[in-house]
N, C-alpha and C. Protein backbone atom coordinates (compact mmCIF):
# COMPACT_ATOMS: atom_id res chain seq x y z
N TYR A 1 57.52 81.22 85.63
CA TYR A 1 58.80 80.31 86.21
C TYR A 1 59.72 81.24 85.78
N ARG A 2 60.11 80.75 84.46
CA ARG A 2 61.12 81.57 83.19
C ARG A 2 61.49 82.79 82.53
N GLY A 3 59.58 83.22 82.02
CA GLY A 3 59.12 84.21 81.28
C GLY A 3 58.91 83.94 80.48
N ARG A 4 58.98 82.38 80.26
CA ARG A 4 58.05 81.79 78.81
C ARG A 4 56.89 81.53 79.19
N LYS A 5 56.07 80.56 77.60
CA LYS A 5 54.99 80.14 77.82
C LYS A 5 54.78 79.23 78.54
N MET A 6 53.46 78.91 79.54
CA MET A 6 53.47 77.72 80.70
C MET A 6 52.89 76.14 79.36
N THR A 7 53.30 75.54 79.22
CA THR A 7 53.15 74.33 78.32
C THR A 7 51.55 73.75 79.32
N GLN A 8 51.31 72.57 78.65
CA GLN A 8 50.16 71.83 79.31
C GLN A 8 50.64 71.23 80.48
N GLU A 9 51.55 70.82 80.02
CA GLU A 9 52.57 69.64 81.01
C GLU A 9 52.81 70.43 82.45
N SER A 10 53.37 71.89 82.47
CA SER A 10 53.56 72.64 83.08
C SER A 10 52.67 72.95 84.41
N ILE A 11 51.50 73.19 83.61
CA ILE A 11 50.18 73.31 84.17
C ILE A 11 49.44 72.18 85.08
N THR A 12 49.54 71.17 83.97
CA THR A 12 49.02 69.73 85.52
C THR A 12 49.97 69.73 86.28
N LYS A 13 51.22 69.91 86.06
CA LYS A 13 52.09 69.33 87.42
C LYS A 13 51.99 70.90 88.53
N VAL A 14 51.43 72.21 87.95
CA VAL A 14 51.20 72.68 88.94
C VAL A 14 50.07 72.74 89.55
N LEU A 15 49.03 71.98 88.55
CA LEU A 15 47.50 72.08 89.46
C LEU A 15 48.08 71.00 90.21
N LYS A 16 48.28 69.96 90.35
CA LYS A 16 48.57 68.86 91.25
C LYS A 16 49.70 69.12 92.13
N GLU A 17 50.74 69.80 92.35
CA GLU A 17 51.00 70.62 93.59
C GLU A 17 50.02 71.32 93.71
N ALA A 18 49.77 72.53 93.73
CA ALA A 18 48.32 72.99 94.91
C ALA A 18 47.12 72.04 95.44
N SER A 19 46.97 70.92 94.46
CA SER A 19 46.10 70.11 94.99
C SER A 19 46.68 69.29 96.14
N LYS A 20 47.82 68.66 95.96
CA LYS A 20 47.98 68.56 97.27
C LYS A 20 48.45 69.10 98.42
N ALA A 21 49.24 70.38 98.22
CA ALA A 21 49.23 71.35 99.34
C ALA A 21 47.78 71.64 100.05
N VAL A 22 46.78 71.32 98.97
CA VAL A 22 45.93 71.95 99.72
C VAL A 22 44.97 70.59 100.46
N GLY A 23 45.25 69.78 100.40
CA GLY A 23 44.91 67.99 100.88
C GLY A 23 43.14 67.12 100.11
N VAL A 24 43.66 67.93 98.77
CA VAL A 24 42.60 66.99 98.11
C VAL A 24 43.18 65.57 97.44
N ASN A 25 41.79 64.71 97.91
CA ASN A 25 42.15 63.05 97.72
C ASN A 25 43.02 62.92 96.79
N PRO A 26 44.62 62.50 97.09
CA PRO A 26 44.39 62.19 95.68
C PRO A 26 43.59 60.60 94.40
N GLN A 27 43.55 60.44 94.61
CA GLN A 27 42.50 59.17 93.80
C GLN A 27 41.42 60.46 93.54
N ILE A 28 41.47 61.57 93.44
CA ILE A 28 40.19 62.77 91.97
C ILE A 28 41.63 62.62 91.60
N ARG A 29 41.12 62.90 90.27
CA ARG A 29 41.58 63.82 89.49
C ARG A 29 42.06 64.51 88.75
N VAL A 30 43.29 65.14 89.05
CA VAL A 30 43.46 66.51 89.00
C VAL A 30 44.03 67.20 87.65
N SER A 31 43.44 67.89 87.10
CA SER A 31 44.22 68.43 85.45
C SER A 31 43.58 69.68 84.72
N PRO A 32 44.12 70.24 83.82
CA PRO A 32 43.29 70.94 83.30
C PRO A 32 41.91 70.63 83.39
N HIS A 33 41.77 70.05 82.29
CA HIS A 33 40.53 69.28 81.71
C HIS A 33 39.48 69.10 82.31
N THR A 34 39.72 68.66 84.21
CA THR A 34 38.97 68.25 84.94
C THR A 34 38.81 69.59 85.10
N CYS A 35 39.63 70.78 85.67
CA CYS A 35 39.00 71.68 85.64
C CYS A 35 38.42 72.22 85.02
N ARG A 36 38.28 72.61 83.67
CA ARG A 36 37.52 73.28 82.63
C ARG A 36 36.17 72.21 82.67
N HIS A 37 36.42 71.49 82.98
CA HIS A 37 34.35 70.50 83.38
C HIS A 37 34.21 71.13 84.55
N THR A 38 34.52 70.99 85.60
CA THR A 38 34.33 71.82 86.48
C THR A 38 33.43 73.00 86.29
N PHE A 39 34.49 73.92 85.73
CA PHE A 39 33.78 74.89 85.58
C PHE A 39 32.81 75.35 84.97
N ALA A 40 32.64 74.25 83.58
CA ALA A 40 31.10 74.29 82.89
C ALA A 40 30.43 73.48 83.61
N HIS A 41 30.53 73.01 84.79
CA HIS A 41 29.41 72.07 85.09
C HIS A 41 28.74 72.81 86.36
N LEU A 42 29.44 73.92 86.58
CA LEU A 42 29.11 75.22 87.42
C LEU A 42 28.94 76.33 87.20
N GLN A 43 29.04 76.50 86.54
CA GLN A 43 28.08 77.58 85.45
C GLN A 43 26.79 77.44 85.15
N LEU A 44 26.90 75.62 84.38
CA LEU A 44 25.14 75.50 83.90
C LEU A 44 24.97 75.57 85.05
N LYS A 45 24.90 74.52 86.13
CA LYS A 45 24.10 74.68 87.50
C LYS A 45 23.68 76.04 88.01
N ASN A 46 24.75 77.25 88.03
CA ASN A 46 24.20 78.86 88.15
C ASN A 46 23.55 79.07 87.59
N GLY A 47 22.66 79.21 86.38
CA GLY A 47 21.98 78.99 85.41
C GLY A 47 22.36 79.49 83.87
N LEU A 48 23.84 79.66 84.29
CA LEU A 48 24.05 80.42 83.08
C LEU A 48 23.99 79.23 81.67
N ASP A 49 23.33 80.22 80.50
CA ASP A 49 22.69 79.86 79.94
C ASP A 49 24.36 78.91 78.73
N LEU A 50 23.27 77.82 77.73
CA LEU A 50 24.10 77.18 76.99
C LEU A 50 25.21 77.99 75.95
N TYR A 51 24.65 78.96 75.69
CA TYR A 51 25.33 79.27 74.85
C TYR A 51 26.29 80.30 75.11
N SER A 52 26.16 80.72 75.99
CA SER A 52 27.36 81.62 76.46
C SER A 52 28.24 80.84 77.24
N LEU A 53 27.66 79.86 77.63
CA LEU A 53 29.50 79.15 78.01
C LEU A 53 29.97 78.00 77.13
N SER A 54 29.47 77.68 75.71
CA SER A 54 29.70 77.40 75.04
C SER A 54 31.04 78.80 74.62
N ARG A 55 30.53 80.15 74.38
CA ARG A 55 31.34 81.28 74.07
C ARG A 55 32.45 81.36 74.99
N LEU A 56 32.08 80.84 76.25
CA LEU A 56 33.15 81.41 77.09
C LEU A 56 33.94 80.27 77.19
N LEU A 57 33.15 78.86 76.54
CA LEU A 57 34.71 77.59 76.35
C LEU A 57 35.95 77.98 74.77
N GLY A 58 35.00 78.48 74.75
CA GLY A 58 35.43 78.40 72.74
C GLY A 58 35.48 77.53 72.01
N HIS A 59 34.02 76.64 72.25
CA HIS A 59 33.60 75.84 71.05
C HIS A 59 32.99 76.44 69.91
N GLU A 60 33.01 75.23 68.68
CA GLU A 60 33.31 76.07 67.39
C GLU A 60 31.41 75.82 66.95
N ASN A 61 30.59 74.91 68.07
CA ASN A 61 29.17 74.30 67.67
C ASN A 61 28.84 74.60 69.27
N ILE A 62 27.40 74.57 69.55
CA ILE A 62 26.97 74.18 70.91
C ILE A 62 26.52 72.89 71.27
N GLY A 63 26.50 72.00 69.69
CA GLY A 63 27.03 70.77 70.37
C GLY A 63 28.17 70.14 70.88
N ILE A 64 29.54 70.26 71.07
CA ILE A 64 30.20 70.16 71.77
C ILE A 64 30.08 70.37 73.30
N THR A 65 29.02 71.72 73.44
CA THR A 65 29.00 72.41 74.43
C THR A 65 28.04 71.10 75.20
N GLN A 66 26.97 70.92 74.89
CA GLN A 66 25.88 70.03 75.27
C GLN A 66 26.09 68.80 76.14
N THR A 67 27.23 68.53 75.53
CA THR A 67 27.85 67.35 76.80
C THR A 67 27.75 67.66 78.28
N TYR A 68 28.36 68.85 78.97
CA TYR A 68 28.18 69.36 79.81
C TYR A 68 26.89 69.18 80.92
N LEU A 69 26.29 69.39 79.72
CA LEU A 69 24.77 69.32 80.63
C LEU A 69 24.02 67.68 80.90
N ASN A 70 24.62 66.45 79.91
CA ASN A 70 24.99 65.06 80.57
C ASN A 70 24.90 64.67 81.86
N SER A 71 26.08 65.64 82.67
CA SER A 71 26.34 65.72 84.59
C SER A 71 25.54 66.61 85.26
N LEU A 72 24.75 67.24 84.52
CA LEU A 72 24.06 67.84 85.60
C LEU A 72 22.56 66.84 86.07
N ARG A 73 21.85 66.23 87.13
CA ARG A 73 20.83 66.00 87.85
C ARG A 73 19.85 66.90 87.06
N ASP A 74 18.17 65.73 87.52
CA ASP A 74 17.03 66.48 86.95
C ASP A 74 17.01 67.56 87.87
N SER A 75 17.24 67.26 89.52
CA SER A 75 16.90 68.58 90.41
C SER A 75 17.53 69.45 90.84
N ASP A 76 18.85 69.59 89.81
CA ASP A 76 19.66 71.07 89.33
C ASP A 76 19.13 71.65 87.87
N ILE A 77 18.60 70.77 87.38
CA ILE A 77 17.85 71.72 86.45
C ILE A 77 16.39 72.03 86.95
N ILE A 78 15.96 71.46 87.78
CA ILE A 78 14.69 72.39 88.20
C ILE A 78 14.72 73.26 88.75
N GLN A 79 15.53 72.85 89.79
CA GLN A 79 16.03 74.31 90.68
C GLN A 79 16.71 75.69 90.06
N ILE A 80 17.40 75.39 88.88
CA ILE A 80 17.73 75.99 88.00
C ILE A 80 16.84 77.25 87.21
N ALA A 81 15.32 76.02 86.51
CA ALA A 81 14.23 76.57 85.94
C ALA A 81 13.48 77.41 86.98
N LYS A 82 13.42 76.75 88.39
CA LYS A 82 12.63 78.19 89.54
C LYS A 82 13.28 79.06 90.04
N GLN A 83 14.53 79.24 90.25
CA GLN A 83 15.41 80.34 89.62
C GLN A 83 15.54 81.83 88.88
N LYS A 84 15.27 81.11 87.44
CA LYS A 84 15.17 82.28 86.20
C LYS A 84 13.85 82.04 85.48
N SER A 85 12.50 81.22 86.31
CA SER A 85 10.91 81.40 86.34
C SER A 85 10.09 82.63 85.79
N VAL A 86 10.27 82.94 84.50
CA VAL A 86 9.30 84.71 84.50
C VAL A 86 8.09 84.28 85.54
N LEU A 87 7.21 83.22 85.59
CA LEU A 87 6.39 83.59 86.59
C LEU A 87 6.13 83.58 87.69
N LEU A 88 7.45 82.26 88.30
CA LEU A 88 7.66 82.31 89.59
C LEU A 88 8.52 83.68 90.06
N ASN A 89 9.02 84.46 89.08
CA ASN A 89 9.78 85.31 89.86
C ASN A 89 8.81 86.85 89.16
N LEU A 90 7.61 87.53 89.76
CA LEU A 90 6.35 88.32 88.71
C LEU A 90 6.99 89.55 90.52
C-alpha cells in the first residue's frame, strides 16, 4: 500500500477484510496462522510427505511439523496410502 513491508497485523487485517468480502462465517477464525495450518493440512491430505512439508514451512525439525498429522483422520490417511501404494498402482 505504501511501499513498505507488511506487518503481521496488516496481513491479519487484510485476511479479515477479505474473509468478510467473500462471506466467510464470522465465527470462523481467520488469521495467518489458520491459513498456514490449513495449507499444511491440505498438503498432507493430498499426499505430500512430512519431510517436504517441514521444509516448505521452514521448520527447524520434523517434530514441529508432526503436529499437523494430528488433524488428519484415519480415513484420510488410508485414502492417501491407497493412492500412493506401490502394490495397488502396479
